[in-house]
Structure formats: C-alpha cells, structure tokens
C-alpha cells in the first residue's frame, strides 16, 4: 500500500500517518500494561509468601501459649495439692489422737 494520499497522490496520506502513530501508541501502552501487571503479580506473590510465613509464626506462638497454659495450670494446682496433703495429715493425726485417747481410756479402766 502506498504512503500517498488517494485523493492527492502528491501529498502524504495523513490518515495512514495517524494510524501508524496510534499503532505505536497502542504498542507502548500494551508494553507498559504488561510491565505494571508483572510488578503487580510479583507483589502479590511476595505478599502471599509473607502471609504463609506469618501463618507459621502464628501457629508456633499458639503452640507455645498452649504449653505455657498447661504449665500455669500445673503451677496453680501445686498449692491446692499441698493444702490437701496438709489437711490429710492433720486429719490423720487428729483421728490417731482420738483413737489413742479412746484406747488409753479403755485400757486404764
């Protein structure tokens, strides 16, 4: 196809020149869009990786908190166990004293 105007072959075809400019502009726009999309998807991939890492860190923190919770419960239970042990010993001594007293009274009479 000729670059000359159909109406006046002495002049250049302005429509063809404008079409070529538009083609070049479109190619530039497509290239810019491709580059921006690539950067966008790279950023998304990075965010997904970071989210996965944070998920693992959260999981480990929760596991440590669960273990700590068990340790706290155990520490809370120690004074109660100690108190129960003291009460058992005191009750045993009282019962032994009462039985000893009763046996002593029976044996003296």
PDB file of N, CA and C in Angstrom:
ATOM      1  N   UNK A   1       0.847  -1.168   0.000  1.00  0.00           N
ATOM      2  CA  UNK A   1       0.000   0.000   0.000  1.00  0.00           C
ATOM      3  C   UNK A   1       0.898   1.238   0.000  1.00  0.00           C
ATOM      4  N   UNK A   2       0.475   2.226  -0.720  1.00  0.00           N
ATOM      5  CA  UNK A   2       1.254   3.443  -0.883  1.00  0.00           C
ATOM      6  C   UNK A   2       1.046   4.372   0.306  1.00  0.00           C
ATOM      7  N   UNK A   3       2.090   5.163   0.640  1.00  0.00           N
ATOM      8  CA  UNK A   3       2.000   6.143   1.720  1.00  0.00           C
ATOM      9  C   UNK A   3       1.407   7.458   1.220  1.00  0.00           C
ATOM     10  N   UNK A   4       0.994   7.505  -0.024  1.00  0.00           N
ATOM     11  CA  UNK A   4       0.470   8.728  -0.630  1.00  0.00           C
ATOM     12  C   UNK A   4      -1.051   8.767  -0.485  1.00  0.00           C
ATOM     13  N   UNK A   5      -1.553   9.966  -0.505  1.00  0.00           N
ATOM     14  CA  UNK A   5      -2.988  10.191  -0.353  1.00  0.00           C
ATOM     15  C   UNK A   5      -3.712   9.698  -1.610  1.00  0.00           C
ATOM     16  N   UNK A   6      -4.870   9.102  -1.449  1.00  0.00           N
ATOM     17  CA  UNK A   6      -5.638   8.587  -2.569  1.00  0.00           C
ATOM     18  C   UNK A   6      -6.210   9.742  -3.377  1.00  0.00           C
ATOM     19  N   UNK A   7      -6.600  10.791  -2.702  1.00  0.00           N
ATOM     20  CA  UNK A   7      -7.201  11.931  -3.382  1.00  0.00           C
ATOM     21  C   UNK A   7      -6.140  12.774  -4.112  1.00  0.00           C
ATOM     22  N   UNK A   8      -5.030  13.021  -3.402  1.00  0.00           N
ATOM     23  CA  UNK A   8      -3.955  13.828  -3.987  1.00  0.00           C
ATOM     24  C   UNK A   8      -2.654  13.064  -3.820  1.00  0.00           C
ATOM     25  N   UNK A   9      -2.220  12.307  -4.852  1.00  0.00           N
ATOM     26  CA  UNK A   9      -1.014  11.479  -4.754  1.00  0.00           C
ATOM     27  C   UNK A   9       0.271  12.266  -4.522  1.00  0.00           C
ATOM     28  N   UNK A  10       0.229  13.574  -4.644  1.00  0.00           N
ATOM     29  CA  UNK A  10       1.406  14.382  -4.392  1.00  0.00           C
ATOM     30  C   UNK A  10       1.654  14.556  -2.896  1.00  0.00           C
ATOM     31  N   UNK A  11       0.621  14.366  -2.100  1.00  0.00           N
ATOM     32  CA  UNK A  11       0.733  14.566  -0.645  1.00  0.00           C
ATOM     33  C   UNK A  11       0.773  13.216   0.059  1.00  0.00           C
ATOM     34  N   UNK A  12       1.333  13.247   1.284  1.00  0.00           N
ATOM     35  CA  UNK A  12       1.361  12.019   2.089  1.00  0.00           C
ATOM     36  C   UNK A  12      -0.009  11.787   2.696  1.00  0.00           C
ATOM     37  N   UNK A  13      -0.339  10.535   2.935  1.00  0.00           N
ATOM     38  CA  UNK A  13      -1.648  10.180   3.497  1.00  0.00           C
ATOM     39  C   UNK A  13      -1.632  10.465   4.997  1.00  0.00           C
ATOM     40  N   UNK A  14      -2.409  11.462   5.435  1.00  0.00           N
ATOM     41  CA  UNK A  14      -2.436  11.852   6.846  1.00  0.00           C
ATOM     42  C   UNK A  14      -3.100  10.773   7.707  1.00  0.00           C
ATOM     43  N   UNK A  15      -4.123  10.123   7.196  1.00  0.00           N
ATOM     44  CA  UNK A  15      -4.815   9.058   7.934  1.00  0.00           C
ATOM     45  C   UNK A  15      -3.882   7.894   8.226  1.00  0.00           C
ATOM     46  N   UNK A  16      -3.060   7.543   7.235  1.00  0.00           N
ATOM     47  CA  UNK A  16      -2.102   6.443   7.411  1.00  0.00           C
ATOM     48  C   UNK A  16      -1.052   6.807   8.458  1.00  0.00           C
ATOM     49  N   UNK A  17      -0.587   8.056   8.405  1.00  0.00           N
ATOM     50  CA  UNK A  17       0.390   8.500   9.409  1.00  0.00           C
ATOM     51  C   UNK A  17      -0.225   8.452  10.799  1.00  0.00           C
ATOM     52  N   UNK A  18      -1.475   8.900  10.908  1.00  0.00           N
ATOM     53  CA  UNK A  18      -2.148   8.894  12.211  1.00  0.00           C
ATOM     54  C   UNK A  18      -2.380   7.456  12.686  1.00  0.00           C
ATOM     55  N   UNK A  19      -2.725   6.560  11.765  1.00  0.00           N
ATOM     56  CA  UNK A  19      -2.932   5.152  12.125  1.00  0.00           C
ATOM     57  C   UNK A  19      -1.637   4.541  12.649  1.00  0.00           C
ATOM     58  N   UNK A  20      -0.511   4.869  12.018  1.00  0.00           N
ATOM     59  CA  UNK A  20       0.785   4.347  12.476  1.00  0.00           C
ATOM     60  C   UNK A  20       1.136   4.906  13.862  1.00  0.00           C
ATOM     61  N   UNK A  21       0.839   6.190  14.081  1.00  0.00           N
ATOM     62  CA  UNK A  21       1.070   6.778  15.412  1.00  0.00           C
ATOM     63  C   UNK A  21       0.224   6.073  16.466  1.00  0.00           C
ATOM     64  N   UNK A  22      -1.026   5.810  16.114  1.00  0.00           N
ATOM     65  CA  UNK A  22      -1.915   5.110  17.052  1.00  0.00           C
ATOM     66  C   UNK A  22      -1.435   3.689  17.324  1.00  0.00           C
ATOM     67  N   UNK A  23      -0.942   3.021  16.290  1.00  0.00           N
ATOM     68  CA  UNK A  23      -0.387   1.674  16.472  1.00  0.00           C
ATOM     69  C   UNK A  23       0.799   1.700  17.431  1.00  0.00           C
ATOM     70  N   UNK A  24       1.683   2.665  17.222  1.00  0.00           N
ATOM     71  CA  UNK A  24       2.851   2.787  18.102  1.00  0.00           C
ATOM     72  C   UNK A  24       2.424   3.119  19.536  1.00  0.00           C
ATOM     73  N   UNK A  25       1.445   4.005  19.664  1.00  0.00           N
ATOM     74  CA  UNK A  25       0.935   4.349  20.999  1.00  0.00           C
ATOM     75  C   UNK A  25       0.328   3.114  21.668  1.00  0.00           C
ATOM     76  N   UNK A  26      -0.404   2.333  20.883  1.00  0.00           N
ATOM     77  CA  UNK A  26      -1.030   1.118  21.426  1.00  0.00           C
ATOM     78  C   UNK A  26       0.033   0.108  21.856  1.00  0.00           C
ATOM     79  N   UNK A  27       1.077  -0.063  21.052  1.00  0.00           N
ATOM     80  CA  UNK A  27       2.168  -0.974  21.419  1.00  0.00           C
ATOM     81  C   UNK A  27       2.831  -0.518  22.721  1.00  0.00           C
ATOM     82  N   UNK A  28       3.067   0.797  22.855  1.00  0.00           N
ATOM     83  CA  UNK A  28       3.660   1.327  24.086  1.00  0.00           C
ATOM     84  C   UNK A  28       2.750   1.087  25.286  1.00  0.00           C
ATOM     85  N   UNK A  29       1.467   1.311  25.076  1.00  0.00           N
ATOM     86  CA  UNK A  29       0.506   1.095  26.157  1.00  0.00           C
ATOM     87  C   UNK A  29       0.460  -0.372  26.577  1.00  0.00           C
ATOM     88  N   UNK A  30       0.470  -1.267  25.606  1.00  0.00           N
ATOM     89  CA  UNK A  30       0.472  -2.704  25.904  1.00  0.00           C
ATOM     90  C   UNK A  30       1.731  -3.083  26.676  1.00  0.00           C
ATOM     91  N   UNK A  31       2.889  -2.554  26.259  1.00  0.00           N
ATOM     92  CA  UNK A  31       4.142  -2.844  26.956  1.00  0.00           C
ATOM     93  C   UNK A  31       4.104  -2.319  28.401  1.00  0.00           C
ATOM     94  N   UNK A  32       3.610  -1.096  28.571  1.00  0.00           N
ATOM     95  CA  UNK A  32       3.516  -0.519  29.916  1.00  0.00           C
ATOM     96  C   UNK A  32       2.554  -1.331  30.790  1.00  0.00           C
ATOM     97  N   UNK A  33       1.433  -1.751  30.217  1.00  0.00           N
ATOM     98  CA  UNK A  33       0.482  -2.571  30.980  1.00  0.00           C
ATOM     99  C   UNK A  33       1.097  -3.903  31.377  1.00  0.00           C
ATOM    100  N   UNK A  34       1.831  -4.523  30.454  1.00  0.00           N
ATOM    101  CA  UNK A  34       2.473  -5.800  30.754  1.00  0.00           C
ATOM    102  C   UNK A  34       3.468  -5.645  31.904  1.00  0.00           C
ATOM    103  N   UNK A  35       4.267  -4.575  31.850  1.00  0.00           N
ATOM    104  CA  UNK A  35       5.252  -4.327  32.911  1.00  0.00           C
ATOM    105  C   UNK A  35       4.572  -4.061  34.250  1.00  0.00           C
ATOM    106  N   UNK A  36       3.517  -3.251  34.236  1.00  0.00           N
ATOM    107  CA  UNK A  36       2.833  -2.958  35.506  1.00  0.00           C
ATOM    108  C   UNK A  36       2.129  -4.201  36.050  1.00  0.00           C
ATOM    109  N   UNK A  37       1.589  -5.035  35.161  1.00  0.00           N
ATOM    110  CA  UNK A  37       0.965  -6.275  35.616  1.00  0.00           C
ATOM    111  C   UNK A  37       2.001  -7.227  36.208  1.00  0.00           C
ATOM    112  N   UNK A  38       3.157  -7.306  35.593  1.00  0.00           N
ATOM    113  CA  UNK A  38       4.224  -8.150  36.122  1.00  0.00           C
ATOM    114  C   UNK A  38       4.619  -7.699  37.528  1.00  0.00           C
ATOM    115  N   UNK A  39       4.779  -6.382  37.703  1.00  0.00           N
ATOM    116  CA  UNK A  39       5.130  -5.865  39.035  1.00  0.00           C
ATOM    117  C   UNK A  39       4.007  -6.153  40.033  1.00  0.00           C
ATOM    118  N   UNK A  40       2.782  -6.002  39.587  1.00  0.00           N
ATOM    119  CA  UNK A  40       1.625  -6.262  40.452  1.00  0.00           C
ATOM    120  C   UNK A  40       1.609  -7.720  40.912  1.00  0.00           C
ATOM    121  N   UNK A  41       1.809  -8.639  39.971  1.00  0.00           N
ATOM    122  CA  UNK A  41       1.780 -10.059  40.330  1.00  0.00           C
ATOM    123  C   UNK A  41       3.000 -10.456  41.164  1.00  0.00           C
ATOM    124  N   UNK A  42       4.141  -9.829  40.928  1.00  0.00           N
ATOM    125  CA  UNK A  42       5.303 -10.085  41.787  1.00  0.00           C
ATOM    126  C   UNK A  42       5.003  -9.648  43.215  1.00  0.00           C
ATOM    127  N   UNK A  43       4.363  -8.508  43.362  1.00  0.00           N
ATOM    128  CA  UNK A  43       3.999  -8.003  44.695  1.00  0.00           C
ATOM    129  C   UNK A  43       2.984  -8.931  45.359  1.00  0.00           C
ATOM    130  N   UNK A  44       2.016  -9.401  44.603  1.00  0.00           N
ATOM    131  CA  UNK A  44       1.041 -10.345  45.154  1.00  0.00           C
ATOM    132  C   UNK A  44       1.719 -11.633  45.631  1.00  0.00           C
ATOM    133  N   UNK A  45       2.646 -12.129  44.829  1.00  0.00           N
ATOM    134  CA  UNK A  45       3.368 -13.345  45.196  1.00  0.00           C
ATOM    135  C   UNK A  45       4.162 -13.134  46.487  1.00  0.00           C
ATOM    136  N   UNK A  46       4.813 -11.982  46.590  1.00  0.00           N
ATOM    137  CA  UNK A  46       5.570 -11.658  47.796  1.00  0.00           C
ATOM    138  C   UNK A  46       4.645 -11.600  49.014  1.00  0.00           C
ATOM    139  N   UNK A  47       3.499 -10.957  48.852  1.00  0.00           N
ATOM    140  CA  UNK A  47       2.538 -10.869  49.962  1.00  0.00           C
ATOM    141  C   UNK A  47       2.019 -12.246  50.368  1.00  0.00           C
ATOM    142  N   UNK A  48       1.777 -13.115  49.405  1.00  0.00           N
ATOM    143  CA  UNK A  48       1.321 -14.469  49.717  1.00  0.00           C
ATOM    144  C   UNK A  48       2.387 -15.236  50.499  1.00  0.00           C
ATOM    145  N   UNK A  49       3.647 -15.074  50.103  1.00  0.00           N
ATOM    146  CA  UNK A  49       4.734 -15.740  50.824  1.00  0.00           C
ATOM    147  C   UNK A  49       4.819 -15.218  52.256  1.00  0.00           C
ATOM    148  N   UNK A  50       4.716 -13.901  52.408  1.00  0.00           N
ATOM    149  CA  UNK A  50       4.773 -13.308  53.746  1.00  0.00           C
ATOM    150  C   UNK A  50       3.597 -13.763  54.589  1.00  0.00           C
ATOM    151  N   UNK A  51       2.439 -13.900  53.986  1.00  0.00           N
ATOM    152  CA  UNK A  51       1.263 -14.374  54.713  1.00  0.00           C
ATOM    153  C   UNK A  51       1.476 -15.806  55.199  1.00  0.00           C
ATOM    154  N   UNK A  52       2.094 -16.627  54.363  1.00  0.00           N
ATOM    155  CA  UNK A  52       2.396 -18.001  54.757  1.00  0.00           C
ATOM    156  C   UNK A  52       3.371 -18.039  55.925  1.00  0.00           C
ATOM    157  N   UNK A  53       4.384 -17.198  55.875  1.00  0.00           N
ATOM    158  CA  UNK A  53       5.369 -17.129  56.964  1.00  0.00           C
ATOM    159  C   UNK A  53       4.690 -16.672  58.251  1.00  0.00           C
ATOM    160  N   UNK A  54       3.839 -15.644  58.149  1.00  0.00           N
ATOM    161  CA  UNK A  54       3.130 -15.153  59.334  1.00  0.00           C
ATOM    162  C   UNK A  54       2.198 -16.216  59.896  1.00  0.00           C
ATOM    163  N   UNK A  55       1.587 -16.991  59.016  1.00  0.00           N
ATOM    164  CA  UNK A  55       0.721 -18.075  59.470  1.00  0.00           C
ATOM    165  C   UNK A  55       1.495 -19.106  60.273  1.00  0.00           C
ATOM    166  N   UNK A  56       2.680 -19.455  59.800  1.00  0.00           N
ATOM    167  CA  UNK A  56       3.524 -20.407  60.530  1.00  0.00           C
ATOM    168  C   UNK A  56       3.963 -19.833  61.868  1.00  0.00           C
ATOM    169  N   UNK A  57       4.344 -18.551  61.872  1.00  0.00           N
ATOM    170  CA  UNK A  57       4.749 -17.916  63.123  1.00  0.00           C
ATOM    171  C   UNK A  57       3.587 -17.897  64.113  1.00  0.00           C
ATOM    172  N   UNK A  58       2.408 -17.584  63.638  1.00  0.00           N
ATOM    173  CA  UNK A  58       1.207 -17.573  64.493  1.00  0.00           C
ATOM    174  C   UNK A  58       0.953 -18.965  65.071  1.00  0.00           C
ATOM    175  N   UNK A  59       1.100 -19.978  64.228  1.00  0.00           N
ATOM    176  CA  UNK A  59       0.901 -21.368  64.678  1.00  0.00           C
ATOM    177  C   UNK A  59       1.885 -21.714  65.796  1.00  0.00           C
ATOM    178  N   UNK A  60       3.149 -21.352  65.630  1.00  0.00           N
ATOM    179  CA  UNK A  60       4.164 -21.649  66.649  1.00  0.00           C
ATOM    180  C   UNK A  60       3.879 -20.880  67.946  1.00  0.00           C
ATOM    181  N   UNK A  61       3.462 -19.639  67.813  1.00  0.00           N
ATOM    182  CA  UNK A  61       3.138 -18.841  69.005  1.00  0.00           C
ATOM    183  C   UNK A  61       1.980 -19.480  69.759  1.00  0.00           C
ATOM    184  N   UNK A  62       0.956 -19.909  69.041  1.00  0.00           N
ATOM    185  CA  UNK A  62      -0.207 -20.528  69.683  1.00  0.00           C
ATOM    186  C   UNK A  62       0.180 -21.839  70.365  1.00  0.00           C
ATOM    187  N   UNK A  63       1.076 -22.614  69.741  1.00  0.00           N
ATOM    188  CA  UNK A  63       1.542 -23.853  70.364  1.00  0.00           C
ATOM    189  C   UNK A  63       2.289 -23.549  71.666  1.00  0.00           C
ATOM    190  N   UNK A  64       3.130 -22.528  71.643  1.00  0.00           N
ATOM    191  CA  UNK A  64       3.871 -22.149  72.852  1.00  0.00           C
ATOM    192  C   UNK A  64       2.916 -21.661  73.938  1.00  0.00           C
ATOM    193  N   UNK A  65       1.906 -20.908  73.554  1.00  0.00           N
ATOM    194  CA  UNK A  65       0.922 -20.434  74.534  1.00  0.00           C
ATOM    195  C   UNK A  65       0.144 -21.591  75.135  1.00  0.00           C
ATOM    196  N   UNK A  66      -0.175 -22.601  74.313  1.00  0.00           N
ATOM    197  CA  UNK A  66      -0.878 -23.772  74.832  1.00  0.00           C
ATOM    198  C   UNK A  66      -0.008 -24.503  75.854  1.00  0.00           C
ATOM    199  N   UNK A  67       1.289 -24.657  75.560  1.00  0.00           N
ATOM    200  CA  UNK A  67       2.192 -25.311  76.520  1.00  0.00           C
ATOM    201  C   UNK A  67       2.298 -24.479  77.798  1.00  0.00           C
ATOM    202  N   UNK A  68       2.429 -23.190  77.635  1.00  0.00           N
ATOM    203  CA  UNK A  68       2.525 -22.275  78.783  1.00  0.00           C
ATOM    204  C   UNK A  68       1.256 -22.357  79.625  1.00  0.00           C
ATOM    205  N   UNK A  69       0.119 -22.462  78.958  1.00  0.00           N
ATOM    206  CA  UNK A  69      -1.159 -22.561  79.673  1.00  0.00           C
ATOM    207  C   UNK A  69      -1.172 -23.806  80.558  1.00  0.00           C
ATOM    208  N   UNK A  70      -0.657 -24.915  80.029  1.00  0.00           N
ATOM    209  CA  UNK A  70      -0.572 -26.146  80.825  1.00  0.00           C
ATOM    210  C   UNK A  70       0.350 -25.971  82.020  1.00  0.00           C
ATOM    211  N   UNK A  71       1.476 -25.286  81.813  1.00  0.00           N
ATOM    212  CA  UNK A  71       2.408 -25.042  82.911  1.00  0.00           C
ATOM    213  C   UNK A  71       1.763 -24.166  83.989  1.00  0.00           C
ATOM    214  N   UNK A  72       1.003 -23.166  83.577  1.00  0.00           N
ATOM    215  CA  UNK A  72       0.340 -22.278  84.533  1.00  0.00           C
ATOM    216  C   UNK A  72      -0.688 -23.064  85.339  1.00  0.00           C
ATOM    217  N   UNK A  73      -1.444 -23.917  84.675  1.00  0.00           N
ATOM    218  CA  UNK A  73      -2.437 -24.733  85.387  1.00  0.00           C
ATOM    219  C   UNK A  73      -1.741 -25.634  86.409  1.00  0.00           C
ATOM    220  N   UNK A  74      -0.613 -26.196  86.017  1.00  0.00           N
ATOM    221  CA  UNK A  74       0.139 -27.057  86.932  1.00  0.00           C
ATOM    222  C   UNK A  74       0.636 -26.264  88.137  1.00  0.00           C
ATOM    223  N   UNK A  75       1.141 -25.057  87.888  1.00  0.00           N
ATOM    224  CA  UNK A  75       1.614 -24.215  88.986  1.00  0.00           C
ATOM    225  C   UNK A  75       0.461 -23.802  89.908  1.00  0.00           C
ATOM    226  N   UNK A  76      -0.698 -23.544  89.332  1.00  0.00           N
ATOM    227  CA  UNK A  76      -1.864 -23.190  90.146  1.00  0.00           C
ATOM    228  C   UNK A  76      -2.309 -24.370  91.010  1.00  0.00           C
ATOM    229  N   UNK A  77      -2.161 -25.574  90.500  1.00  0.00           N
ATOM    230  CA  UNK A  77      -2.621 -26.765  91.215  1.00  0.00           C
ATOM    231  C   UNK A  77      -1.682 -27.144  92.361  1.00  0.00           C
ATOM    232  N   UNK A  78      -0.421 -26.746  92.320  1.00  0.00           N
ATOM    233  CA  UNK A  78       0.537 -27.131  93.365  1.00  0.00           C
ATOM    234  C   UNK A  78       0.114 -26.671  94.760  1.00  0.00           C
ATOM    235  N   UNK A  79      -0.257 -25.416  94.980  1.00  0.00           N
ATOM    236  CA  UNK A  79      -0.667 -25.022  96.336  1.00  0.00           C
ATOM    237  C   UNK A  79      -1.900 -25.793  96.818  1.00  0.00           C
ATOM    238  N   UNK A  80      -2.827 -26.060  95.908  1.00  0.00           N
ATOM    239  CA  UNK A  80      -4.020 -26.813  96.300  1.00  0.00           C
ATOM    240  C   UNK A  80      -3.644 -28.231  96.720  1.00  0.00           C
ATOM    241  N   UNK A  81      -2.742 -28.859  95.975  1.00  0.00           N
ATOM    242  CA  UNK A  81      -2.290 -30.209  96.337  1.00  0.00           C
ATOM    243  C   UNK A  81      -1.559 -30.184  97.681  1.00  0.00           C
ATOM    244  N   UNK A  82      -0.747 -29.163  97.865  1.00  0.00           N
ATOM    245  CA  UNK A  82      -0.015 -29.047  99.124  1.00  0.00           C
ATOM    246  C   UNK A  82      -1.002 -28.876 100.290  1.00  0.00           C
ATOM    247  N   UNK A  83      -2.001 -28.048 100.114  1.00  0.00           N
ATOM    248  CA  UNK A  83      -3.012 -27.815 101.151  1.00  0.00           C
ATOM    249  C   UNK A  83      -3.771 -29.105 101.450  1.00  0.00           C
ATOM    250  N   UNK A  84      -4.145 -29.833 100.417  1.00  0.00           N
ATOM    251  CA  UNK A  84      -4.841 -31.109 100.615  1.00  0.00           C
ATOM    252  C   UNK A  84      -3.964 -32.085 101.395  1.00  0.00           C
ATOM    253  N   UNK A  85      -2.692 -32.118 101.094  1.00  0.00           N
ATOM    254  CA  UNK A  85      -1.766 -33.007 101.793  1.00  0.00           C
ATOM    255  C   UNK A  85      -1.682 -32.638 103.277  1.00  0.00           C
ATOM    256  N   UNK A  86      -1.615 -31.331 103.567  1.00  0.00           N
ATOM    257  CA  UNK A  86      -1.551 -30.876 104.968  1.00  0.00           C
ATOM    258  C   UNK A  86      -2.831 -31.253 105.703  1.00  0.00           C
ATOM    259  N   UNK A  87      -3.970 -31.026 105.078  1.00  0.00           N
ATOM    260  CA  UNK A  87      -5.263 -31.355 105.697  1.00  0.00           C
ATOM    261  C   UNK A  87      -5.350 -32.846 105.965  1.00  0.00           C
ATOM    262  N   UNK A  88      -4.908 -33.679 105.021  1.00  0.00           N
ATOM    263  CA  UNK A  88      -4.928 -35.131 105.217  1.00  0.00           C
ATOM    264  C   UNK A  88      -4.069 -35.521 106.428  1.00  0.00           C
ATOM    265  N   UNK A  89      -2.893 -34.938 106.533  1.00  0.00           N
ATOM    266  CA  UNK A  89      -2.002 -35.278 107.646  1.00  0.00           C
ATOM    267  C   UNK A  89      -2.591 -34.830 108.982  1.00  0.00           C
ATOM    268  N   UNK A  90      -3.153 -33.616 109.006  1.00  0.00           N
ATOM    269  CA  UNK A  90      -3.753 -33.121 110.244  1.00  0.00           C
ATOM    270  C   UNK A  90      -4.934 -34.006 110.648  1.00  0.00           C
ATOM    271  N   UNK A  91      -5.779 -34.349 109.680  1.00  0.00           N
ATOM    272  CA  UNK A  91      -6.922 -35.226 109.983  1.00  0.00           C
ATOM    273  C   UNK A  91      -6.446 -36.587 110.479  1.00  0.00           C
ATOM    274  N   UNK A  92      -5.404 -37.101 109.841  1.00  0.00           N
ATOM    275  CA  UNK A  92      -4.848 -38.392 110.286  1.00  0.00           C
ATOM    276  C   UNK A  92      -4.346 -38.312 111.718  1.00  0.00           C
ATOM    277  N   UNK A  93      -3.657 -37.210 112.061  1.00  0.00           N
ATOM    278  CA  UNK A  93      -3.157 -37.025 113.421  1.00  0.00           C
ATOM    279  C   UNK A  93      -4.301 -36.878 114.428  1.00  0.00           C
ATOM    280  N   UNK A  94      -5.345 -36.133 114.061  1.00  0.00           N
ATOM    281  CA  UNK A  94      -6.495 -35.966 114.952  1.00  0.00           C
ATOM    282  C   UNK A  94      -7.169 -37.309 115.183  1.00  0.00           C
ATOM    283  N   UNK A  95      -7.385 -38.068 114.110  1.00  0.00           N
ATOM    284  CA  UNK A  95      -8.036 -39.386 114.254  1.00  0.00           C
ATOM    285  C   UNK A  95      -7.162 -40.307 115.090  1.00  0.00           C
ATOM    286  N   UNK A  96      -5.850 -40.285 114.847  1.00  0.00           N
ATOM    287  CA  UNK A  96      -4.944 -41.132 115.628  1.00  0.00           C
ATOM    288  C   UNK A  96      -4.976 -40.729 117.102  1.00  0.00           C
ATOM    289  N   UNK A  97      -5.035 -39.414 117.360  1.00  0.00           N
ATOM    290  CA  UNK A  97      -5.087 -38.940 118.746  1.00  0.00           C
ATOM    291  C   UNK A  97      -6.382 -39.374 119.415  1.00  0.00           C
ATOM    292  N   UNK A  98      -7.498 -39.248 118.701  1.00  0.00           N
ATOM    293  CA  UNK A  98      -8.792 -39.654 119.270  1.00  0.00           C
ATOM    294  C   UNK A  98      -8.807 -41.151 119.535  1.00  0.00           C
ATOM    295  N   UNK A  99      -8.334 -41.936 118.592  1.00  0.00           N
ATOM    296  CA  UNK A  99      -8.297 -43.401 118.777  1.00  0.00           C
ATOM    297  C   UNK A  99      -7.338 -43.759 119.916  1.00  0.00           C
ATOM    298  N   UNK A 100      -6.176 -43.091 119.946  1.00  0.00           N
ATOM    299  CA  UNK A 100      -5.220 -43.347 121.029  1.00  0.00           C
ATOM    300  C   UNK A 100      -5.798 -42.969 122.382  1.00  0.00           C
ATOM    301  N   UNK A 101      -6.468 -41.863 122.425  1.00  0.00           N
ATOM    302  CA  UNK A 101      -7.106 -41.430 123.671  1.00  0.00           C
ATOM    303  C   UNK A 101      -8.173 -42.433 124.100  1.00  0.00           C
ATOM    304  N   UNK A 102      -8.997 -42.863 123.129  1.00  0.00           N
ATOM    305  CA  UNK A 102     -10.062 -43.830 123.441  1.00  0.00           C
ATOM    306  C   UNK A 102      -9.462 -45.148 123.909  1.00  0.00           C
ATOM    307  N   UNK A 103      -8.420 -45.585 123.282  1.00  0.00           N
ATOM    308  CA  UNK A 103      -7.786 -46.850 123.688  1.00  0.00           C
ATOM    309  C   UNK A 103      -7.135 -46.704 125.074  1.00  0.00           C
ATOM    310  N   UNK A 104      -6.536 -45.568 125.315  1.00  0.00           N
ATOM    311  CA  UNK A 104      -5.926 -45.328 126.606  1.00  0.00           C
ATOM    312  C   UNK A 104      -6.984 -45.311 127.718  1.00  0.00           C
ATOM    313  N   UNK A 105      -8.117 -44.709 127.434  1.00  0.00           N
ATOM    314  CA  UNK A 105      -9.210 -44.680 128.431  1.00  0.00           C
ATOM    315  C   UNK A 105      -9.750 -46.073 128.675  1.00  0.00           C
ATOM    316  N   UNK A 106      -9.868 -46.848 127.638  1.00  0.00           N
ATOM    317  CA  UNK A 106     -10.374 -48.213 127.812  1.00  0.00           C
ATOM    318  C   UNK A 106      -9.370 -49.070 128.543  1.00  0.00           C
ATOM    319  N   UNK A 107      -8.119 -48.848 128.266  1.00  0.00           N
ATOM    320  CA  UNK A 107      -7.084 -49.667 128.901  1.00  0.00           C
ATOM    321  C   UNK A 107      -6.875 -49.301 130.354  1.00  0.00           C
ATOM    322  N   UNK A 108      -7.158 -48.088 130.761  1.00  0.00           N
ATOM    323  CA  UNK A 108      -6.963 -47.665 132.133  1.00  0.00           C
ATOM    324  C   UNK A 108      -8.107 -48.122 133.044  1.00  0.00           C
ATOM    325  N   UNK A 109      -9.224 -48.302 132.529  1.00  0.00           N
ATOM    326  CA  UNK A 109     -10.374 -48.651 133.367  1.00  0.00           C
ATOM    327  C   UNK A 109     -10.369 -50.061 133.715  1.00  0.00           C
TER     328      UNK A 109
END
